N, C-alpha and C. Protein backbone atom coordinates (compact mmCIF):
# COMPACT_ATOMS: atom_id res chain seq x y z
N UNK A 1 96.39 65.64 142.94
CA UNK A 1 97.35 65.65 143.09
C UNK A 1 97.27 66.55 141.13
N UNK A 2 97.37 67.74 141.54
CA UNK A 2 97.24 67.90 139.60
C UNK A 2 98.75 68.23 138.49
N UNK A 3 98.84 67.67 137.82
CA UNK A 3 99.37 68.12 136.52
C UNK A 3 99.11 69.29 135.90
N UNK A 4 100.51 69.97 134.99
CA UNK A 4 99.97 70.11 133.98
C UNK A 4 101.07 70.15 132.97
N UNK A 5 100.24 70.37 131.84
CA UNK A 5 100.82 69.83 131.01
C UNK A 5 100.79 71.35 129.48
N UNK A 6 102.68 71.57 128.80
CA UNK A 6 102.47 72.95 128.22
C UNK A 6 102.26 71.74 126.69
N UNK A 7 100.96 73.02 126.20
CA UNK A 7 100.63 72.35 124.96
C UNK A 7 101.97 72.89 123.58
N UNK A 8 102.78 72.49 123.56
CA UNK A 8 103.89 72.70 122.82
C UNK A 8 103.71 72.19 120.20
N UNK A 9 102.85 70.87 120.93
CA UNK A 9 102.33 70.16 119.52
C UNK A 9 101.60 70.73 118.77
N UNK A 10 101.71 70.56 116.97
CA UNK A 10 100.84 70.72 116.41
C UNK A 10 99.69 70.88 116.62
N UNK A 11 99.56 72.12 115.74
CA UNK A 11 97.45 71.64 115.17
C UNK A 11 96.51 70.24 115.61
N UNK A 12 97.40 69.92 114.67
CA UNK A 12 96.64 68.45 114.31
C UNK A 12 97.09 66.80 114.32
N UNK A 13 97.83 66.92 116.44
CA UNK A 13 98.40 65.94 116.88
C UNK A 13 97.10 66.50 117.98
N UNK A 14 96.93 64.77 118.50
CA UNK A 14 95.93 65.03 119.01
C UNK A 14 96.80 63.84 120.35
N UNK A 15 95.38 63.62 121.31
CA UNK A 15 96.26 63.23 121.80
C UNK A 15 96.91 61.40 122.16
N UNK A 16 95.95 60.61 121.22
CA UNK A 16 96.31 58.92 120.71
C UNK A 16 96.99 59.53 119.39
N UNK A 17 97.61 60.12 119.18
CA UNK A 17 98.48 61.25 118.56
C UNK A 17 100.44 60.99 118.90
N UNK A 18 99.66 61.95 120.68
CA UNK A 18 101.31 61.90 121.04
C UNK A 18 101.24 60.87 121.84
N UNK A 19 100.89 59.61 122.52
CA UNK A 19 100.54 58.87 122.33
C UNK A 19 101.53 57.73 121.65
N UNK A 20 101.30 56.96 119.85
CA UNK A 20 102.16 56.47 119.05
C UNK A 20 102.91 57.45 118.28
N UNK A 21 102.73 59.11 118.76
CA UNK A 21 104.82 59.64 118.31
C UNK A 21 105.41 59.03 118.70
N UNK A 22 106.29 59.05 118.28
CA UNK A 22 108.15 58.50 118.55
C UNK A 22 109.30 59.28 119.06
N UNK A 23 108.96 61.07 117.73
CA UNK A 23 109.97 62.22 117.62
C UNK A 23 110.16 62.64 118.91
N UNK A 24 111.26 63.59 118.69
CA UNK A 24 111.74 64.27 119.70
C UNK A 24 110.79 65.39 120.75
N UNK A 25 109.53 65.49 119.60
CA UNK A 25 108.45 67.11 120.02
C UNK A 25 107.37 66.61 120.16
N UNK A 26 107.93 65.60 120.52
CA UNK A 26 106.87 64.81 121.91
C UNK A 26 106.87 63.98 122.88
N UNK A 27 108.12 64.31 123.35
CA UNK A 27 108.78 62.98 124.41
C UNK A 27 108.01 63.75 126.20
N UNK A 28 108.40 65.04 126.07
CA UNK A 28 108.09 65.68 127.38
C UNK A 28 106.49 64.97 127.11
N UNK A 29 105.63 65.05 126.16
CA UNK A 29 104.43 65.28 127.26
C UNK A 29 103.84 63.66 127.15
N UNK A 30 105.08 62.77 126.40
CA UNK A 30 105.01 61.28 126.74
C UNK A 30 105.21 61.26 127.69
N UNK A 31 106.20 61.88 128.17
CA UNK A 31 106.92 61.37 130.35
C UNK A 31 105.96 61.32 130.85
N UNK A 32 104.90 63.04 130.71
CA UNK A 32 104.40 63.41 131.97
C UNK A 32 103.33 62.52 131.83
N UNK A 33 102.21 61.69 130.90
CA UNK A 33 101.66 60.95 129.96
C UNK A 33 101.70 59.83 131.36
N UNK A 34 102.81 59.12 130.94
CA UNK A 34 103.47 57.51 131.63
C UNK A 34 103.55 58.14 133.03
N UNK A 35 103.91 59.38 133.48
CA UNK A 35 103.45 59.48 134.84
C UNK A 35 102.91 58.88 135.45
N UNK A 36 102.04 60.35 134.77
CA UNK A 36 100.64 59.56 135.46
C UNK A 36 99.81 59.22 135.46
N UNK A 37 99.97 57.78 134.32
CA UNK A 37 99.19 56.69 134.37
C UNK A 37 99.95 55.43 135.37
N UNK A 38 101.15 56.45 135.18
CA UNK A 38 102.42 55.37 136.51
C UNK A 38 101.28 55.58 138.17
N UNK A 39 100.98 57.09 137.70
CA UNK A 39 100.55 57.37 139.57
C UNK A 39 98.70 57.06 139.72
N UNK A 40 98.19 56.81 139.05
CA UNK A 40 96.18 56.06 139.21
C UNK A 40 96.73 55.01 139.28
N UNK A 41 97.65 54.72 138.04
CA UNK A 41 97.66 52.27 138.52
C UNK A 41 97.85 51.95 139.79
N UNK A 42 99.00 53.42 140.69
CA UNK A 42 99.65 52.57 141.49
C UNK A 42 97.83 53.46 142.85
N UNK A 43 96.87 52.32 143.14
CA UNK A 43 95.85 52.66 144.53
C UNK A 43 96.02 53.09 146.02
N UNK A 44 97.59 52.53 146.86
CA UNK A 44 97.70 53.00 147.77
C UNK A 44 99.16 54.39 147.75
N UNK A 45 99.50 55.50 147.06
CA UNK A 45 99.73 56.10 146.96
C UNK A 45 99.18 57.20 147.88
N UNK A 46 97.63 57.62 147.95
CA UNK A 46 97.45 58.25 148.60
C UNK A 46 96.68 59.76 147.78
N UNK A 47 97.05 59.63 146.36
CA UNK A 47 96.57 60.76 145.53
C UNK A 47 95.37 60.27 144.93
N UNK A 48 94.14 60.75 144.08
CA UNK A 48 93.11 61.07 144.39
C UNK A 48 92.91 62.48 142.74
N UNK A 49 92.96 61.08 142.13
CA UNK A 49 92.36 62.08 140.60
C UNK A 49 91.26 61.99 139.82
N UNK A 50 90.53 62.90 139.54
CA UNK A 50 89.66 63.83 138.75
C UNK A 50 89.41 63.54 137.75
């Protein structure tokens, strides 16, 4: 599975900052990360992550 994310966050922000942020500016990226994490946690969905 391929999941793409548009980099629309400030230059100073990194992935850890996004995960801890609660503003609207990073809401879409946090939602995508939550989706990916849930798919990775499900071992029997037939998807392969590299």
